[in-house]
């Protein structure tokens, strides 16, 4: 007998479980279908484990540099087994928390692979969910009034450069490494590639990053990307840009060797391992989309601004619809989708107001338009820029590299973009996000009194710098 629900969520990642909680708050009977564990990629193979490793790398680096603070520690040794154990402990704690939230919200969780069926004896509309179990148990049928697709994404690779888990890895396999390699080639200088490059370099691994474009972190403001690259080069990381990796040249024996085309020449690179970090593909395969009228374009599901697909009772959020592919974005998309299907009138998300963070060392964070984007859109802009080296708390921390850059529309003083690189900027970008949401001007940011001594003072100084009125610079 099929069980009926107001909402069935396909995928128990951050976007899926947050949407389920909001639906429960609105009085819906809700189920989640998740083939692995609640928390999805972010909790188990993405945001949380990678940031745990980054934190361990940060502590290792700081301890090695402790004499700068008058502290002698003697020889510092890295126990990577304990690093991994700490990561696993954090994941377990958070996973238990998500499970508890499901119980609190009286949300049913089915651990299996969900597939959307077409019209059937259960429903005249496509949307009945068939759940297949890995142990071969008989399929379960769920009949929902609404479906939310939140199946996420998987690491992409290059044709011919297949993941083997030994010499060639994606971030999934890299997170499970029992020992660190002595050297690694990272193919792709985007956010994930740069975070791994920074982390592994801090752990003492020899790192080479091969990037196809002329800029690492291609979605970031050029000034930010250049500053990140400059600081990572100081760590000993080698960057090879405007280089096309040639998968058919891959050789694997006691390490990996691969060639890249740079201009009119080819150059070979060798290391213990290769980490492929060239983006992620939406998980749209084998979930039954062919049984519906849902439109898939360039690999992602097309939706309205409220995440409604062509099938009005089926919604989709997160990586599976493309866009910013960030956990916090998926969560808010899920809330908007659920409120819309409930008959409420949520505000559509303004993606220009959503902060993005890079957790390398140095950290980087941004919200809104880059300088190039603002000019391409025809804005007459003014830019304020202020360095961390003039901020007292940055000197106290011993991290003075980096800056904050604010971009303003000269015509009406609207805030167009804020870009940061330096210590703890991933924690400070929320002020800029709130300023964007409330349509604050740089003058208003400067009028907000920032406590001293704090790193946040740099926001006020950068805002004043737009008119050349900065106090300490």
Protein backbone atom coordinates (compact mmCIF):
# COMPACT_ATOMS: atom_id res chain seq x y z
CA UNK A 1 0.00 0.00 0.00
CA UNK A 2 1.39 3.41 -1.00
CA UNK A 3 1.70 6.05 1.71
CA UNK A 4 0.50 9.59 1.06
CA UNK A 5 2.41 12.76 1.91
CA UNK A 6 1.99 16.48 1.38
CA UNK A 7 5.65 16.67 0.34
CA UNK A 8 8.35 14.17 -0.56
CA UNK A 9 11.88 15.54 -0.81
CA UNK A 10 14.31 13.68 -3.05
CA UNK A 11 17.69 14.20 -1.40
CA UNK A 12 18.55 14.76 2.25
CA UNK A 13 21.37 17.25 1.79
CA UNK A 14 21.44 20.75 3.27
CA UNK A 15 18.83 22.11 0.87
CA UNK A 16 16.59 19.07 1.18
CA UNK A 17 16.48 18.72 4.94
CA UNK A 18 16.10 22.48 5.52
CA UNK A 19 13.15 22.50 3.11
CA UNK A 20 11.66 19.52 4.93
CA UNK A 21 11.93 21.30 8.28
CA UNK A 22 10.23 24.43 6.88
CA UNK A 23 7.47 22.29 5.37
CA UNK A 24 6.96 20.59 8.73
CA UNK A 25 6.68 24.00 10.40
CA UNK A 26 3.92 24.84 7.91
CA UNK A 27 1.96 21.76 8.94
CA UNK A 28 2.82 19.46 6.04
CA UNK A 29 3.27 15.72 6.32
CA UNK A 30 6.80 15.30 4.97
CA UNK A 31 9.15 12.52 3.91
CA UNK A 32 12.75 12.62 2.76
CA UNK A 33 14.27 10.00 0.47
CA UNK A 34 18.05 9.83 0.77
CA UNK A 35 20.22 7.07 -0.72
CA UNK A 36 23.10 7.58 1.72
CA UNK A 37 23.12 9.71 4.89
CA UNK A 38 21.22 12.83 5.88
CA UNK A 39 23.37 15.90 5.38
CA UNK A 40 24.38 15.02 1.84
CA UNK A 41 27.53 16.19 0.11
CA UNK A 42 28.01 19.29 2.26
CA UNK A 43 28.14 17.37 5.52
CA UNK A 44 29.84 14.17 4.41
CA UNK A 45 31.98 14.97 1.34
CA UNK A 46 32.16 18.75 1.02
CA UNK A 47 31.83 21.83 3.19
CA UNK A 48 32.26 20.34 6.65
CA UNK A 49 35.03 17.73 6.16
CA UNK A 50 37.10 20.01 3.95
CA UNK A 51 36.84 22.88 6.45
CA UNK A 52 37.83 20.52 9.25
CA UNK A 53 40.98 19.61 7.33
CA UNK A 54 41.62 23.27 6.53
CA UNK A 55 41.39 24.11 10.23
CA UNK A 56 43.91 21.39 11.11
CA UNK A 57 46.21 22.71 8.38
CA UNK A 58 45.83 26.22 9.81
CA UNK A 59 46.75 25.07 13.32
CA UNK A 60 49.75 23.14 11.96
CA UNK A 61 50.95 26.22 10.07
CA UNK A 62 50.42 28.53 13.04
CA UNK A 63 52.19 26.16 15.42
CA UNK A 64 55.19 25.99 13.11
CA UNK A 65 55.24 29.81 13.13
CA UNK A 66 54.60 30.18 16.87
CA UNK A 67 58.03 31.67 17.57
CA UNK A 68 56.76 34.85 15.90
CA UNK A 69 54.46 35.16 18.93
CA UNK A 70 57.21 34.41 21.46
CA UNK A 71 56.24 30.76 21.89
CA UNK A 72 58.77 27.95 21.38
CA UNK A 73 57.20 24.55 20.79
CA UNK A 74 60.14 22.48 19.64
CA UNK A 75 59.63 20.05 16.79
CA UNK A 76 56.05 20.03 15.51
CA UNK A 77 54.75 16.74 14.16
CA UNK A 78 51.62 16.05 12.14
CA UNK A 79 49.50 12.99 12.92
CA UNK A 80 47.26 12.81 9.86
CA UNK A 81 45.35 9.84 11.29
CA UNK A 82 44.17 12.04 14.16
CA UNK A 83 43.39 14.84 11.71
CA UNK A 84 41.06 12.46 9.90
CA UNK A 85 39.60 11.16 13.16
CA UNK A 86 38.75 14.71 14.22
CA UNK A 87 37.07 15.32 10.85
CA UNK A 88 35.01 12.14 11.23
CA UNK A 89 33.98 13.11 14.75
CA UNK A 90 32.69 16.49 13.60
CA UNK A 91 30.70 14.84 10.80
CA UNK A 92 29.20 12.29 13.20
CA UNK A 93 28.15 14.99 15.67
CA UNK A 94 26.46 17.08 13.01
CA UNK A 95 24.82 14.05 11.41
CA UNK A 96 23.28 13.08 14.75
CA UNK A 97 22.00 16.65 15.01
CA UNK A 98 20.26 16.44 11.63
CA UNK A 99 18.71 13.08 12.55
CA UNK A 100 17.38 14.64 15.76
CA UNK A 101 15.90 17.54 13.78
CA UNK A 102 14.01 15.08 11.59
CA UNK A 103 12.54 13.40 14.67
CA UNK A 104 11.63 16.77 16.14
CA UNK A 105 9.82 17.74 12.95
CA UNK A 106 8.14 14.32 12.67
CA UNK A 107 9.70 13.97 9.20
CA UNK A 108 9.86 10.42 7.85
CA UNK A 109 13.23 9.42 6.38
CA UNK A 110 13.55 6.62 3.83
CA UNK A 111 17.10 5.43 3.12
CA UNK A 112 17.01 4.32 -0.48
CA UNK A 113 17.16 5.57 -4.06
CA UNK A 114 14.07 7.55 -5.07
CA UNK A 115 12.74 7.67 -8.62
CA UNK A 116 9.82 9.69 -10.00
CA UNK A 117 7.16 7.63 -11.76
CA UNK A 118 4.75 8.75 -14.44
CA UNK A 119 0.94 8.70 -14.09
CA UNK A 120 -0.10 5.46 -12.42
CA UNK A 121 -2.81 3.77 -10.41
CA UNK A 122 -1.61 5.83 -7.45
CA UNK A 123 -1.90 9.25 -9.10
CA UNK A 124 -3.05 10.70 -12.43
CA UNK A 125 -0.02 13.02 -12.35
CA UNK A 126 3.65 12.11 -12.52
CA UNK A 127 5.26 12.29 -9.11
CA UNK A 128 4.69 9.03 -7.30
CA UNK A 129 8.06 8.11 -5.77
CA UNK A 130 9.38 4.57 -6.00
CA UNK A 131 12.10 3.85 -3.43
CA UNK A 132 14.65 1.16 -4.28
CA UNK A 133 16.68 -0.33 -1.44
CA UNK A 134 20.30 -1.48 -1.68
CA UNK A 135 19.53 -4.68 0.26
CA UNK A 136 16.96 -5.78 -2.33
CA UNK A 137 13.87 -5.20 -0.18
CA UNK A 138 10.63 -4.64 -2.06
CA UNK A 139 10.22 -1.11 -3.38
CA UNK A 140 8.21 1.39 -1.32
CA UNK A 141 5.74 3.72 -3.04
CA UNK A 142 5.11 7.26 -1.77
CA UNK A 143 2.29 9.37 -3.21
CA UNK A 144 2.94 13.07 -2.54
CA UNK A 145 0.91 16.16 -3.36
CA UNK A 146 4.23 17.91 -4.03
CA UNK A 147 7.75 16.76 -4.83
CA UNK A 148 10.97 18.68 -4.19
CA UNK A 149 14.02 17.52 -6.15
CA UNK A 150 17.19 18.25 -4.16
CA UNK A 151 19.53 15.58 -5.50
CA UNK A 152 22.63 17.79 -5.57
CA UNK A 153 25.70 17.23 -7.72
CA UNK A 154 28.77 15.04 -8.17
CA UNK A 155 32.39 15.86 -9.01
CA UNK A 156 33.01 16.33 -12.73
CA UNK A 157 36.07 14.93 -14.43
CA UNK A 158 37.70 15.38 -17.81
CA UNK A 159 37.06 12.78 -20.54
CA UNK A 160 39.97 10.35 -20.44
CA UNK A 161 41.02 11.43 -16.97
CA UNK A 162 38.88 8.99 -15.03
CA UNK A 163 38.99 8.77 -11.25
CA UNK A 164 40.74 5.64 -9.97
CA UNK A 165 41.04 6.64 -6.32
CA UNK A 166 44.74 5.81 -6.22
CA UNK A 167 46.58 8.11 -8.61
CA UNK A 168 43.69 10.23 -9.87
CA UNK A 169 41.19 11.55 -7.34
CA UNK A 170 38.23 13.86 -7.03
CA UNK A 171 37.62 15.70 -3.76
CA UNK A 172 35.54 12.72 -2.61
CA UNK A 173 38.53 10.38 -2.65
CA UNK A 174 40.93 13.04 -1.38
CA UNK A 175 38.86 13.46 1.78
CA UNK A 176 39.42 9.77 2.56
CA UNK A 177 43.22 9.77 2.18
CA UNK A 178 44.88 7.86 5.00
CA UNK A 179 48.27 9.44 4.37
CA UNK A 180 49.35 12.62 2.67
CA UNK A 181 51.22 12.48 -0.65
CA UNK A 182 54.56 14.19 -0.94
CA UNK A 183 53.41 15.96 -4.10
CA UNK A 184 50.16 16.57 -5.95
CA UNK A 185 48.93 18.11 -9.20
CA UNK A 186 45.58 19.89 -8.90
CA UNK A 187 43.74 20.23 -12.19
CA UNK A 188 41.51 23.28 -11.87
CA UNK A 189 42.05 26.54 -10.00
CA UNK A 190 38.46 27.18 -8.93
CA UNK A 191 37.24 27.41 -5.35
CA UNK A 192 37.59 23.71 -4.47
CA UNK A 193 40.99 23.41 -6.17
CA UNK A 194 42.35 26.47 -4.37
CA UNK A 195 41.09 25.35 -0.96
CA UNK A 196 42.79 21.98 -1.46
CA UNK A 197 45.97 23.66 -2.71
CA UNK A 198 46.15 25.90 0.34
CA UNK A 199 45.39 23.06 2.77
CA UNK A 200 47.88 20.60 1.32
CA UNK A 201 50.63 23.22 1.08
CA UNK A 202 50.12 24.04 4.77
CA UNK A 203 50.45 20.32 5.51
CA UNK A 204 53.81 20.33 3.69
CA UNK A 205 52.74 18.81 0.36
CA UNK A 206 54.38 20.07 -2.83
CA UNK A 207 51.48 21.49 -4.88
CA UNK A 208 51.13 22.39 -8.56
CA UNK A 209 47.87 23.93 -9.81
CA UNK A 210 47.08 23.73 -13.53
CA UNK A 211 44.35 26.15 -14.63
CA UNK A 212 42.83 26.42 -18.11
CA UNK A 213 42.02 30.15 -17.85
CA UNK A 214 44.30 33.13 -17.28
CA UNK A 215 42.98 33.64 -13.73
CA UNK A 216 42.52 31.34 -10.79
CA UNK A 217 39.17 31.75 -9.02
CA UNK A 218 37.61 32.95 -12.28
CA UNK A 219 34.31 33.98 -10.65
CA UNK A 220 36.05 36.34 -8.24
CA UNK A 221 37.11 39.96 -8.67
CA UNK A 222 40.50 40.05 -10.40
CA UNK A 223 42.14 41.97 -7.55
CA UNK A 224 41.04 39.27 -5.10
CA UNK A 225 42.21 36.41 -7.34
CA UNK A 226 45.59 38.04 -7.85
CA UNK A 227 46.07 38.58 -4.11
CA UNK A 228 45.14 34.97 -3.31
CA UNK A 229 47.56 33.72 -5.94
CA UNK A 230 50.35 35.97 -4.67
CA UNK A 231 49.96 34.71 -1.12
CA UNK A 232 49.72 31.06 -2.18
CA UNK A 233 52.89 31.39 -4.25
CA UNK A 234 54.61 32.43 -1.01
CA UNK A 235 53.56 29.06 0.43
CA UNK A 236 55.48 27.41 -2.39
CA UNK A 237 52.52 26.55 -4.63
CA UNK A 238 53.27 26.53 -8.37
CA UNK A 239 50.59 27.91 -10.69
CA UNK A 240 50.43 27.06 -14.38
CA UNK A 241 47.71 29.10 -16.09
CA UNK A 242 46.31 29.12 -19.63
CA UNK A 243 47.19 25.43 -19.75
CA UNK A 244 45.10 22.65 -21.28
CA UNK A 245 45.58 19.29 -19.59
CA UNK A 246 45.91 16.40 -22.07
CA UNK A 247 44.23 13.35 -20.48
CA UNK A 248 45.53 10.91 -23.12
CA UNK A 249 49.09 11.59 -21.94
CA UNK A 250 48.39 10.30 -18.42
CA UNK A 251 50.87 7.70 -17.17
CA UNK A 252 50.45 5.93 -13.84
CA UNK A 253 53.31 4.06 -12.23
CA UNK A 254 54.74 4.97 -8.83
CA UNK A 255 52.93 8.26 -9.20
CA UNK A 256 51.28 10.10 -12.07
CA UNK A 257 52.63 12.04 -15.03
CA UNK A 258 50.51 14.14 -17.36
CA UNK A 259 51.16 16.72 -20.05
CA UNK A 260 49.55 20.10 -20.54
CA UNK A 261 49.46 22.30 -23.62
CA UNK A 262 50.74 25.78 -22.82
CA UNK A 263 50.64 28.07 -25.83
CA UNK A 264 52.26 26.16 -28.67
CA UNK A 265 54.30 23.91 -26.38
CA UNK A 266 53.64 20.85 -24.25
CA UNK A 267 55.03 20.32 -20.79
CA UNK A 268 54.96 17.22 -18.57
CA UNK A 269 54.11 17.37 -14.87
CA UNK A 270 54.71 14.59 -12.36
CA UNK A 271 53.49 14.02 -8.80
CA UNK A 272 52.39 11.29 -6.43
CA UNK A 273 48.73 12.03 -7.12
CA UNK A 274 46.43 14.11 -9.30
CA UNK A 275 43.36 15.84 -7.88
CA UNK A 276 40.76 16.72 -10.53
CA UNK A 277 38.77 19.79 -9.55
CA UNK A 278 36.92 21.03 -12.63
CA UNK A 279 33.43 21.62 -11.27
CA UNK A 280 30.40 19.49 -10.52
CA UNK A 281 27.58 17.88 -12.55
CA UNK A 282 23.95 18.06 -11.45
CA UNK A 283 22.51 14.71 -10.35
CA UNK A 284 19.64 14.47 -12.83
CA UNK A 285 20.25 10.97 -14.17
CA UNK A 286 18.07 7.98 -13.27
CA UNK A 287 15.68 9.92 -11.04
CA UNK A 288 12.74 9.59 -13.42
CA UNK A 289 12.71 12.98 -15.10
CA UNK A 290 11.89 11.22 -18.38
CA UNK A 291 8.53 10.32 -16.85
CA UNK A 292 7.64 13.99 -16.53
CA UNK A 293 7.52 17.17 -18.63
CA UNK A 294 10.35 18.69 -16.59
CA UNK A 295 12.81 20.58 -18.80
CA UNK A 296 16.53 19.84 -18.45
CA UNK A 297 18.81 22.30 -20.24
CA UNK A 298 22.60 22.00 -20.31
CA UNK A 299 22.42 19.35 -17.62
CA UNK A 300 20.36 21.30 -15.07
CA UNK A 301 16.64 21.46 -14.30
CA UNK A 302 14.86 24.62 -15.42
CA UNK A 303 12.59 26.26 -12.86
CA UNK A 304 10.68 29.46 -12.17
CA UNK A 305 11.92 32.06 -9.70
CA UNK A 306 10.04 30.06 -7.05
CA UNK A 307 11.77 26.78 -8.16
CA UNK A 308 8.65 25.34 -9.78
CA UNK A 309 9.35 23.06 -12.75
CA UNK A 310 7.13 22.63 -15.80
CA UNK A 311 5.24 20.11 -13.65
CA UNK A 312 3.53 22.59 -11.31
CA UNK A 313 3.57 20.24 -8.30
CA UNK A 314 7.26 19.35 -8.70
CA UNK A 315 9.94 21.80 -7.54
CA UNK A 316 13.74 21.64 -7.74
CA UNK A 317 16.48 23.42 -5.77
CA UNK A 318 20.23 23.50 -5.17
CA UNK A 319 23.01 22.18 -7.36
CA UNK A 320 20.54 20.28 -9.55
CA UNK A 321 19.30 23.62 -10.96
CA UNK A 322 22.79 25.08 -11.45
CA UNK A 323 23.41 28.60 -10.25
CA UNK A 324 25.74 29.35 -7.35
CA UNK A 325 25.95 25.72 -6.11
CA UNK A 326 26.41 26.66 -2.46
CA UNK A 327 24.85 24.95 0.56
CA UNK A 328 23.39 28.15 1.99
CA UNK A 329 21.87 28.98 -1.39
CA UNK A 330 20.18 25.56 -1.60
CA UNK A 331 18.77 26.02 1.91
CA UNK A 332 17.15 29.35 1.08
CA UNK A 333 15.91 28.07 -2.27
CA UNK A 334 14.28 25.21 -0.40
CA UNK A 335 12.51 27.58 1.98
CA UNK A 336 11.22 29.71 -0.91
CA UNK A 337 10.02 26.62 -2.78
CA UNK A 338 8.16 25.18 0.21
CA UNK A 339 6.54 28.49 1.10
CA UNK A 340 5.42 28.91 -2.51
CA UNK A 341 3.87 25.44 -2.74
CA UNK A 342 2.10 26.21 0.57
CA UNK A 343 0.36 29.22 -0.93
CA UNK A 344 2.48 31.83 0.80
CA UNK A 345 4.08 34.69 -1.11
CA UNK A 346 7.84 34.46 -0.52
CA UNK A 347 10.22 36.99 -2.00
CA UNK A 348 12.34 35.53 -4.84
CA UNK A 349 16.02 35.28 -3.98
CA UNK A 350 18.25 38.08 -5.26
CA UNK A 351 21.46 36.23 -6.05
CA UNK A 352 23.42 39.50 -6.10
CA UNK A 353 22.83 39.66 -2.33
CA UNK A 354 24.19 36.18 -1.53
CA UNK A 355 27.73 35.99 -0.10
CA UNK A 356 30.24 33.45 -1.38
CA UNK A 357 33.25 32.29 0.63
CA UNK A 358 36.61 30.66 -0.06
CA UNK A 359 38.21 29.02 2.98
CA UNK A 360 41.81 28.87 1.80
CA UNK A 361 44.59 30.71 3.57
CA UNK A 362 44.18 33.55 2.76
CA UNK A 363 40.42 33.48 3.01
CA UNK A 364 38.36 35.32 0.41
CA UNK A 365 34.70 36.35 0.37
CA UNK A 366 32.43 38.39 -1.85
CA UNK A 367 28.91 39.59 -2.45
CA UNK A 368 27.53 41.37 -5.50
CA UNK A 369 29.23 42.41 -8.71
CA UNK A 370 32.94 42.32 -9.45
CA UNK A 371 34.53 45.48 -10.86
CA UNK A 372 34.56 44.01 -14.38
CA UNK A 373 30.91 42.91 -14.12
CA UNK A 374 29.84 46.34 -12.89
CA UNK A 375 31.55 48.03 -15.84
CA UNK A 376 30.12 45.51 -18.31
CA UNK A 377 26.65 46.32 -16.99
CA UNK A 378 27.26 49.99 -17.77
CA UNK A 379 27.62 51.34 -14.25
CA UNK A 380 29.76 54.40 -13.62
CA UNK A 381 31.57 53.21 -10.52
CA UNK A 382 33.70 54.40 -7.65
CA UNK A 383 35.93 52.00 -5.73
CA UNK A 384 37.15 52.10 -2.15
CA UNK A 385 39.98 49.83 -1.07
CA UNK A 386 41.64 49.48 2.32
CA UNK A 387 44.47 47.16 3.48
CA UNK A 388 44.52 44.94 6.55
CA UNK A 389 48.05 46.13 7.34
CA UNK A 390 46.50 49.37 8.68
CA UNK A 391 44.13 47.50 11.01
CA UNK A 392 45.41 47.01 14.56
CA UNK A 393 43.67 43.68 15.16
CA UNK A 394 45.26 42.27 11.98
CA UNK A 395 48.71 43.08 13.39
CA UNK A 396 47.74 41.47 16.68
CA UNK A 397 46.69 38.33 14.79
CA UNK A 398 49.91 38.37 12.77
CA UNK A 399 47.94 38.37 9.50
CA UNK A 400 48.24 41.69 7.73
CA UNK A 401 48.06 40.75 4.04
CA UNK A 402 44.90 41.41 2.09
CA UNK A 403 42.27 44.12 1.79
CA UNK A 404 38.58 44.96 1.44
CA UNK A 405 37.28 46.44 -1.80
CA UNK A 406 33.90 48.17 -2.10
CA UNK A 407 32.31 49.03 -5.44
CA UNK A 408 29.69 51.82 -5.58
CA UNK A 409 27.38 53.12 -8.30
CA UNK A 410 28.48 56.73 -8.67
CA UNK A 411 25.05 57.80 -9.95
CA UNK A 412 23.01 56.92 -6.86
CA UNK A 413 25.61 55.62 -4.35
CA UNK A 414 24.13 52.10 -4.43
CA UNK A 415 26.39 49.36 -3.15
CA UNK A 416 27.25 47.12 -6.11
CA UNK A 417 29.79 44.73 -4.66
CA UNK A 418 32.06 43.99 -1.71
CA UNK A 419 35.16 41.81 -2.06
CA UNK A 420 37.52 40.71 0.71
CA UNK A 421 40.74 38.79 1.05
CA UNK A 422 42.54 38.29 4.34
CA UNK A 423 42.05 37.05 7.90
CA UNK A 424 38.56 35.81 8.86
CA UNK A 425 36.83 37.51 5.94
CA UNK A 426 34.44 34.56 5.56
CA UNK A 427 33.01 35.61 8.92
CA UNK A 428 32.94 39.33 8.06
CA UNK A 429 31.18 39.12 4.68
CA UNK A 430 27.78 38.83 6.37
CA UNK A 431 27.87 42.56 7.18
CA UNK A 432 28.24 43.26 3.48
CA UNK A 433 25.42 40.83 2.71
CA UNK A 434 23.12 42.63 5.13
CA UNK A 435 24.13 45.98 3.66
CA UNK A 436 23.24 44.73 0.18
CA UNK A 437 19.90 43.33 1.37
CA UNK A 438 18.96 46.61 3.07
CA UNK A 439 20.24 48.66 0.12
CA UNK A 440 22.71 50.48 2.35
CA UNK A 441 25.14 52.97 0.86
CA UNK A 442 28.86 52.98 1.64
CA UNK A 443 28.24 56.19 3.62
CA UNK A 444 25.80 54.29 5.83
CA UNK A 445 28.33 51.49 6.32
CA UNK A 446 30.88 54.09 7.40
CA UNK A 447 28.37 55.63 9.83
CA UNK A 448 27.93 52.27 11.56
CA UNK A 449 30.38 52.35 14.47
CA UNK A 450 32.77 49.40 14.22
CA UNK A 451 34.33 48.43 17.57
CA UNK A 452 38.07 48.83 18.10
CA UNK A 453 40.22 46.81 17.92
CA UNK A 454 38.47 44.44 15.53
CA UNK A 455 39.08 43.19 12.03
CA UNK A 456 35.62 44.52 11.12
CA UNK A 457 36.93 48.10 11.29
CA UNK A 458 38.20 47.54 7.78
CA UNK A 459 34.63 47.71 6.44
CA UNK A 460 34.19 51.25 7.69
CA UNK A 461 37.59 52.31 6.40
CA UNK A 462 36.98 50.80 2.95
CA UNK A 463 33.63 52.56 2.77
CA UNK A 464 35.26 55.90 3.65
CA UNK A 465 38.02 55.21 1.11
CA UNK A 466 35.49 55.56 -1.73
CA UNK A 467 35.59 59.32 -1.15
CA UNK A 468 39.23 59.36 0.01
CA UNK A 469 38.14 59.93 3.62
CA UNK A 470 39.70 56.84 5.25
CA UNK A 471 41.14 57.64 8.67
CA UNK A 472 44.09 55.28 9.03
CA UNK A 473 45.33 55.11 5.45
